[in-house]
Amino acid sequence: SPVLAVARDASRLQRLAAMHADEPG
């Protein structure tokens, strides 16, 4: 499923994105 991940801490969101760097969704 495509996911729009929302959080108020930009740095934590960046770490989340890095964990799934190969996921275009």
PDB file of all heavy atoms in Angstrom:
ATOM      1  N   SER A   1       0.826  -1.207   0.000  1.00  0.00           N
ATOM      2  CA  SER A   1       0.000   0.000   0.000  1.00  0.00           C
ATOM      3  C   SER A   1       0.859   1.255   0.000  1.00  0.00           C
ATOM      4  O   SER A   1       1.810   1.372   0.778  1.00  0.00           O
ATOM      5  CB  SER A   1      -0.890   0.027   1.247  1.00  0.00           C
ATOM      6  OG  SER A   1      -1.586   1.257   1.336  1.00  0.00           O
ATOM      7  N   PRO A   2       0.535   2.242  -0.830  1.00  0.00           N
ATOM      8  CA  PRO A   2       1.177   3.554  -0.705  1.00  0.00           C
ATOM      9  C   PRO A   2       0.847   4.162   0.659  1.00  0.00           C
ATOM     10  O   PRO A   2      -0.267   3.986   1.172  1.00  0.00           O
ATOM     11  CB  PRO A   2       0.546   4.379  -1.834  1.00  0.00           C
ATOM     12  CG  PRO A   2       0.029   3.369  -2.804  1.00  0.00           C
ATOM     13  CD  PRO A   2      -0.390   2.192  -1.974  1.00  0.00           C
ATOM     14  N   VAL A   3       1.803   4.864   1.244  1.00  0.00           N
ATOM     15  CA  VAL A   3       1.642   5.408   2.588  1.00  0.00           C
ATOM     16  C   VAL A   3       2.059   6.876   2.604  1.00  0.00           C
ATOM     17  O   VAL A   3       3.112   7.235   2.067  1.00  0.00           O
ATOM     18  CB  VAL A   3       2.508   4.631   3.611  1.00  0.00           C
ATOM     19  CG1 VAL A   3       2.377   5.244   5.004  1.00  0.00           C
ATOM     20  CG2 VAL A   3       2.119   3.155   3.642  1.00  0.00           C
ATOM     21  N   LEU A   4       1.230   7.706   3.234  1.00  0.00           N
ATOM     22  CA  LEU A   4       1.615   9.067   3.561  1.00  0.00           C
ATOM     23  C   LEU A   4       1.861   9.107   5.063  1.00  0.00           C
ATOM     24  O   LEU A   4       0.925   9.011   5.859  1.00  0.00           O
ATOM     25  CB  LEU A   4       0.526  10.067   3.173  1.00  0.00           C
ATOM     26  CG  LEU A   4       0.785  11.527   3.580  1.00  0.00           C
ATOM     27  CD1 LEU A   4       2.074  12.047   2.957  1.00  0.00           C
ATOM     28  CD2 LEU A   4      -0.395  12.415   3.205  1.00  0.00           C
ATOM     29  N   ALA A   5       3.124   9.186   5.456  1.00  0.00           N
ATOM     30  CA  ALA A   5       3.516   9.145   6.863  1.00  0.00           C
ATOM     31  C   ALA A   5       3.630  10.558   7.405  1.00  0.00           C
ATOM     32  O   ALA A   5       4.408  11.369   6.896  1.00  0.00           O
ATOM     33  CB  ALA A   5       4.844   8.410   7.015  1.00  0.00           C
ATOM     34  N   VAL A   6       2.863  10.848   8.445  1.00  0.00           N
ATOM     35  CA  VAL A   6       2.809  12.193   9.024  1.00  0.00           C
ATOM     36  C   VAL A   6       3.292  12.162  10.464  1.00  0.00           C
ATOM     37  O   VAL A   6       2.887  11.296  11.251  1.00  0.00           O
ATOM     38  CB  VAL A   6       1.369  12.751   8.954  1.00  0.00           C
ATOM     39  CG1 VAL A   6       1.262  14.071   9.714  1.00  0.00           C
ATOM     40  CG2 VAL A   6       0.931  12.940   7.513  1.00  0.00           C
ATOM     41  N   ALA A   7       4.154  13.092  10.813  1.00  0.00           N
ATOM     42  CA  ALA A   7       4.610  13.276  12.194  1.00  0.00           C
ATOM     43  C   ALA A   7       5.090  14.708  12.334  1.00  0.00           C
ATOM     44  O   ALA A   7       5.340  15.390  11.343  1.00  0.00           O
ATOM     45  CB  ALA A   7       5.722  12.291  12.549  1.00  0.00           C
ATOM     46  N   ARG A   8       5.218  15.176  13.559  1.00  0.00           N
ATOM     47  CA  ARG A   8       5.592  16.579  13.748  1.00  0.00           C
ATOM     48  C   ARG A   8       7.096  16.782  13.891  1.00  0.00           C
ATOM     49  O   ARG A   8       7.575  17.907  13.824  1.00  0.00           O
ATOM     50  CB  ARG A   8       4.875  17.158  14.963  1.00  0.00           C
ATOM     51  CG  ARG A   8       5.091  16.426  16.265  1.00  0.00           C
ATOM     52  CD  ARG A   8       4.205  16.998  17.351  1.00  0.00           C
ATOM     53  NE  ARG A   8       4.282  16.247  18.588  1.00  0.00           N
ATOM     54  CZ  ARG A   8       3.540  16.513  19.659  1.00  0.00           C
ATOM     55  NH1 ARG A   8       2.682  17.504  19.631  1.00  0.00           N
ATOM     56  NH2 ARG A   8       3.650  15.786  20.748  1.00  0.00           N
ATOM     57  N   ASP A   9       7.851  15.694  14.070  1.00  0.00           N
ATOM     58  CA  ASP A   9       9.299  15.782  14.219  1.00  0.00           C
ATOM     59  C   ASP A   9       9.964  15.441  12.889  1.00  0.00           C
ATOM     60  O   ASP A   9       9.970  14.288  12.453  1.00  0.00           O
ATOM     61  CB  ASP A   9       9.771  14.823  15.316  1.00  0.00           C
ATOM     62  CG  ASP A   9      11.234  15.012  15.686  1.00  0.00           C
ATOM     63  OD1 ASP A   9      12.065  15.129  14.755  1.00  0.00           O
ATOM     64  OD2 ASP A   9      11.549  15.045  16.891  1.00  0.00           O
ATOM     65  N   ALA A  10      10.548  16.439  12.239  1.00  0.00           N
ATOM     66  CA  ALA A  10      11.135  16.241  10.908  1.00  0.00           C
ATOM     67  C   ALA A  10      12.295  15.252  10.936  1.00  0.00           C
ATOM     68  O   ALA A  10      12.448  14.427  10.028  1.00  0.00           O
ATOM     69  CB  ALA A  10      11.598  17.577  10.334  1.00  0.00           C
ATOM     70  N   SER A  11      13.122  15.303  11.960  1.00  0.00           N
ATOM     71  CA  SER A  11      14.291  14.421  12.012  1.00  0.00           C
ATOM     72  C   SER A  11      13.874  12.959  12.166  1.00  0.00           C
ATOM     73  O   SER A  11      14.472  12.063  11.556  1.00  0.00           O
ATOM     74  CB  SER A  11      15.220  14.834  13.155  1.00  0.00           C
ATOM     75  OG  SER A  11      14.570  14.720  14.410  1.00  0.00           O
ATOM     76  N   ARG A  12      12.847  12.699  12.961  1.00  0.00           N
ATOM     77  CA  ARG A  12      12.370  11.324  13.126  1.00  0.00           C
ATOM     78  C   ARG A  12      11.717  10.825  11.837  1.00  0.00           C
ATOM     79  O   ARG A  12      11.839   9.650  11.477  1.00  0.00           O
ATOM     80  CB  ARG A  12      11.404  11.237  14.298  1.00  0.00           C
ATOM     81  CG  ARG A  12      12.054  11.488  15.653  1.00  0.00           C
ATOM     82  CD  ARG A  12      11.087  11.367  16.789  1.00  0.00           C
ATOM     83  NE  ARG A  12      10.625   9.991  16.951  1.00  0.00           N
ATOM     84  CZ  ARG A  12       9.778   9.611  17.915  1.00  0.00           C
ATOM     85  NH1 ARG A  12       9.299  10.509  18.775  1.00  0.00           N
ATOM     86  NH2 ARG A  12       9.404   8.352  18.005  1.00  0.00           N
ATOM     87  N   LEU A  13      11.033  11.705  11.132  1.00  0.00           N
ATOM     88  CA  LEU A  13      10.461  11.324   9.841  1.00  0.00           C
ATOM     89  C   LEU A  13      11.558  10.980   8.836  1.00  0.00           C
ATOM     90  O   LEU A  13      11.420  10.042   8.041  1.00  0.00           O
ATOM     91  CB  LEU A  13       9.594  12.453   9.287  1.00  0.00           C
ATOM     92  CG  LEU A  13       8.095  12.400   9.570  1.00  0.00           C
ATOM     93  CD1 LEU A  13       7.395  13.561   8.886  1.00  0.00           C
ATOM     94  CD2 LEU A  13       7.477  11.081   9.139  1.00  0.00           C
ATOM     95  N   GLN A  14      12.653  11.738   8.872  1.00  0.00           N
ATOM     96  CA  GLN A  14      13.769  11.453   7.979  1.00  0.00           C
ATOM     97  C   GLN A  14      14.365  10.086   8.265  1.00  0.00           C
ATOM     98  O   GLN A  14      14.718   9.337   7.345  1.00  0.00           O
ATOM     99  CB  GLN A  14      14.837  12.547   8.108  1.00  0.00           C
ATOM    100  CG  GLN A  14      14.408  13.881   7.521  1.00  0.00           C
ATOM    101  CD  GLN A  14      15.412  14.988   7.819  1.00  0.00           C
ATOM    102  OE1 GLN A  14      16.383  14.798   8.554  1.00  0.00           O
ATOM    103  NE2 GLN A  14      15.174  16.161   7.249  1.00  0.00           N
ATOM    104  N   ARG A  15      14.471   9.730   9.549  1.00  0.00           N
ATOM    105  CA  ARG A  15      14.989   8.401   9.904  1.00  0.00           C
ATOM    106  C   ARG A  15      14.033   7.301   9.427  1.00  0.00           C
ATOM    107  O   ARG A  15      14.470   6.252   8.946  1.00  0.00           O
ATOM    108  CB  ARG A  15      15.198   8.298  11.422  1.00  0.00           C
ATOM    109  CG  ARG A  15      16.371   9.124  11.932  1.00  0.00           C
ATOM    110  CD  ARG A  15      16.807   8.671  13.312  1.00  0.00           C
ATOM    111  NE  ARG A  15      15.788   8.937  14.326  1.00  0.00           N
ATOM    112  CZ  ARG A  15      15.682  10.068  15.004  1.00  0.00           C
ATOM    113  NH1 ARG A  15      16.525  11.072  14.758  1.00  0.00           N
ATOM    114  NH2 ARG A  15      14.744  10.220  15.914  1.00  0.00           N
ATOM    115  N   LEU A  16      12.733   7.552   9.544  1.00  0.00           N
ATOM    116  CA  LEU A  16      11.757   6.580   9.060  1.00  0.00           C
ATOM    117  C   LEU A  16      11.895   6.390   7.556  1.00  0.00           C
ATOM    118  O   LEU A  16      11.882   5.259   7.054  1.00  0.00           O
ATOM    119  CB  LEU A  16      10.340   7.052   9.413  1.00  0.00           C
ATOM    120  CG  LEU A  16       9.193   6.154   8.952  1.00  0.00           C
ATOM    121  CD1 LEU A  16       9.186   4.845   9.733  1.00  0.00           C
ATOM    122  CD2 LEU A  16       7.841   6.872   9.112  1.00  0.00           C
ATOM    123  N   ALA A  17      12.024   7.508   6.831  1.00  0.00           N
ATOM    124  CA  ALA A  17      12.177   7.423   5.372  1.00  0.00           C
ATOM    125  C   ALA A  17      13.456   6.684   5.003  1.00  0.00           C
ATOM    126  O   ALA A  17      13.482   5.901   4.042  1.00  0.00           O
ATOM    127  CB  ALA A  17      12.171   8.820   4.774  1.00  0.00           C
ATOM    128  N   ALA A  18      14.531   6.902   5.762  1.00  0.00           N
ATOM    129  CA  ALA A  18      15.792   6.229   5.481  1.00  0.00           C
ATOM    130  C   ALA A  18      15.674   4.720   5.685  1.00  0.00           C
ATOM    131  O   ALA A  18      16.304   3.930   4.969  1.00  0.00           O
ATOM    132  CB  ALA A  18      16.894   6.798   6.368  1.00  0.00           C
ATOM    133  N   MET A  19      14.861   4.297   6.654  1.00  0.00           N
ATOM    134  CA  MET A  19      14.653   2.870   6.897  1.00  0.00           C
ATOM    135  C   MET A  19      13.964   2.190   5.709  1.00  0.00           C
ATOM    136  O   MET A  19      14.126   0.993   5.487  1.00  0.00           O
ATOM    137  CB  MET A  19      13.809   2.666   8.159  1.00  0.00           C
ATOM    138  CG  MET A  19      14.515   2.992   9.460  1.00  0.00           C
ATOM    139  SD  MET A  19      13.372   2.914  10.864  1.00  0.00           S
ATOM    140  CE  MET A  19      12.806   1.221  10.730  1.00  0.00           C
ATOM    141  N   HIS A  20      13.193   2.974   4.956  1.00  0.00           N
ATOM    142  CA  HIS A  20      12.440   2.418   3.824  1.00  0.00           C
ATOM    143  C   HIS A  20      12.842   3.134   2.533  1.00  0.00           C
ATOM    144  O   HIS A  20      11.995   3.446   1.693  1.00  0.00           O
ATOM    145  CB  HIS A  20      10.939   2.580   4.070  1.00  0.00           C
ATOM    146  CG  HIS A  20      10.452   1.953   5.337  1.00  0.00           C
ATOM    147  ND1 HIS A  20      10.307   0.586   5.482  1.00  0.00           N
ATOM    148  CD2 HIS A  20      10.090   2.509   6.532  1.00  0.00           C
ATOM    149  CE1 HIS A  20       9.863   0.322   6.705  1.00  0.00           C
ATOM    150  NE2 HIS A  20       9.723   1.461   7.359  1.00  0.00           N
ATOM    151  N   ALA A  21      14.131   3.367   2.397  1.00  0.00           N
ATOM    152  CA  ALA A  21      14.624   4.149   1.257  1.00  0.00           C
ATOM    153  C   ALA A  21      14.329   3.493  -0.085  1.00  0.00           C
ATOM    154  O   ALA A  21      14.265   4.175  -1.111  1.00  0.00           O
ATOM    155  CB  ALA A  21      16.134   4.374   1.405  1.00  0.00           C
ATOM    156  N   ASP A  22      14.134   2.182  -0.084  1.00  0.00           N
ATOM    157  CA  ASP A  22      13.869   1.480  -1.336  1.00  0.00           C
ATOM    158  C   ASP A  22      12.383   1.339  -1.629  1.00  0.00           C
ATOM    159  O   ASP A  22      11.987   0.619  -2.546  1.00  0.00           O
ATOM    160  CB  ASP A  22      14.511   0.088  -1.309  1.00  0.00           C
ATOM    161  CG  ASP A  22      13.983  -0.770  -0.161  1.00  0.00           C
ATOM    162  OD1 ASP A  22      13.394  -0.205   0.787  1.00  0.00           O
ATOM    163  OD2 ASP A  22      14.160  -2.008  -0.214  1.00  0.00           O
ATOM    164  N   GLU A  23      11.537   2.028  -0.855  1.00  0.00           N
ATOM    165  CA  GLU A  23      10.087   1.920  -1.028  1.00  0.00           C
ATOM    166  C   GLU A  23       9.545   3.164  -1.725  1.00  0.00           C
ATOM    167  O   GLU A  23       9.389   4.220  -1.112  1.00  0.00           O
ATOM    168  CB  GLU A  23       9.394   1.761   0.332  1.00  0.00           C
ATOM    169  CG  GLU A  23       9.641   0.424   1.010  1.00  0.00           C
ATOM    170  CD  GLU A  23       8.816  -0.690   0.376  1.00  0.00           C
ATOM    171  OE1 GLU A  23       8.038  -0.412  -0.551  1.00  0.00           O
ATOM    172  OE2 GLU A  23       8.960  -1.839   0.822  1.00  0.00           O
ATOM    173  N   PRO A  24       9.208   3.075  -3.009  1.00  0.00           N
ATOM    174  CA  PRO A  24       8.685   4.244  -3.710  1.00  0.00           C
ATOM    175  C   PRO A  24       7.287   4.643  -3.252  1.00  0.00           C
ATOM    176  O   PRO A  24       6.830   5.752  -3.526  1.00  0.00           O
ATOM    177  CB  PRO A  24       8.659   3.796  -5.182  1.00  0.00           C
ATOM    178  CG  PRO A  24       8.545   2.311  -5.116  1.00  0.00           C
ATOM    179  CD  PRO A  24       9.330   1.903  -3.906  1.00  0.00           C
ATOM    180  N   GLY A  25       6.603   3.750  -2.539  1.00  0.00           N
ATOM    181  CA  GLY A  25       5.239   4.048  -2.104  1.00  0.00           C
ATOM    182  C   GLY A  25       5.158   4.877  -0.843  1.00  0.00           C
ATOM    183  O   GLY A  25       4.053   5.205  -0.394  1.00  0.00           O
TER     184      GLY A  25
END
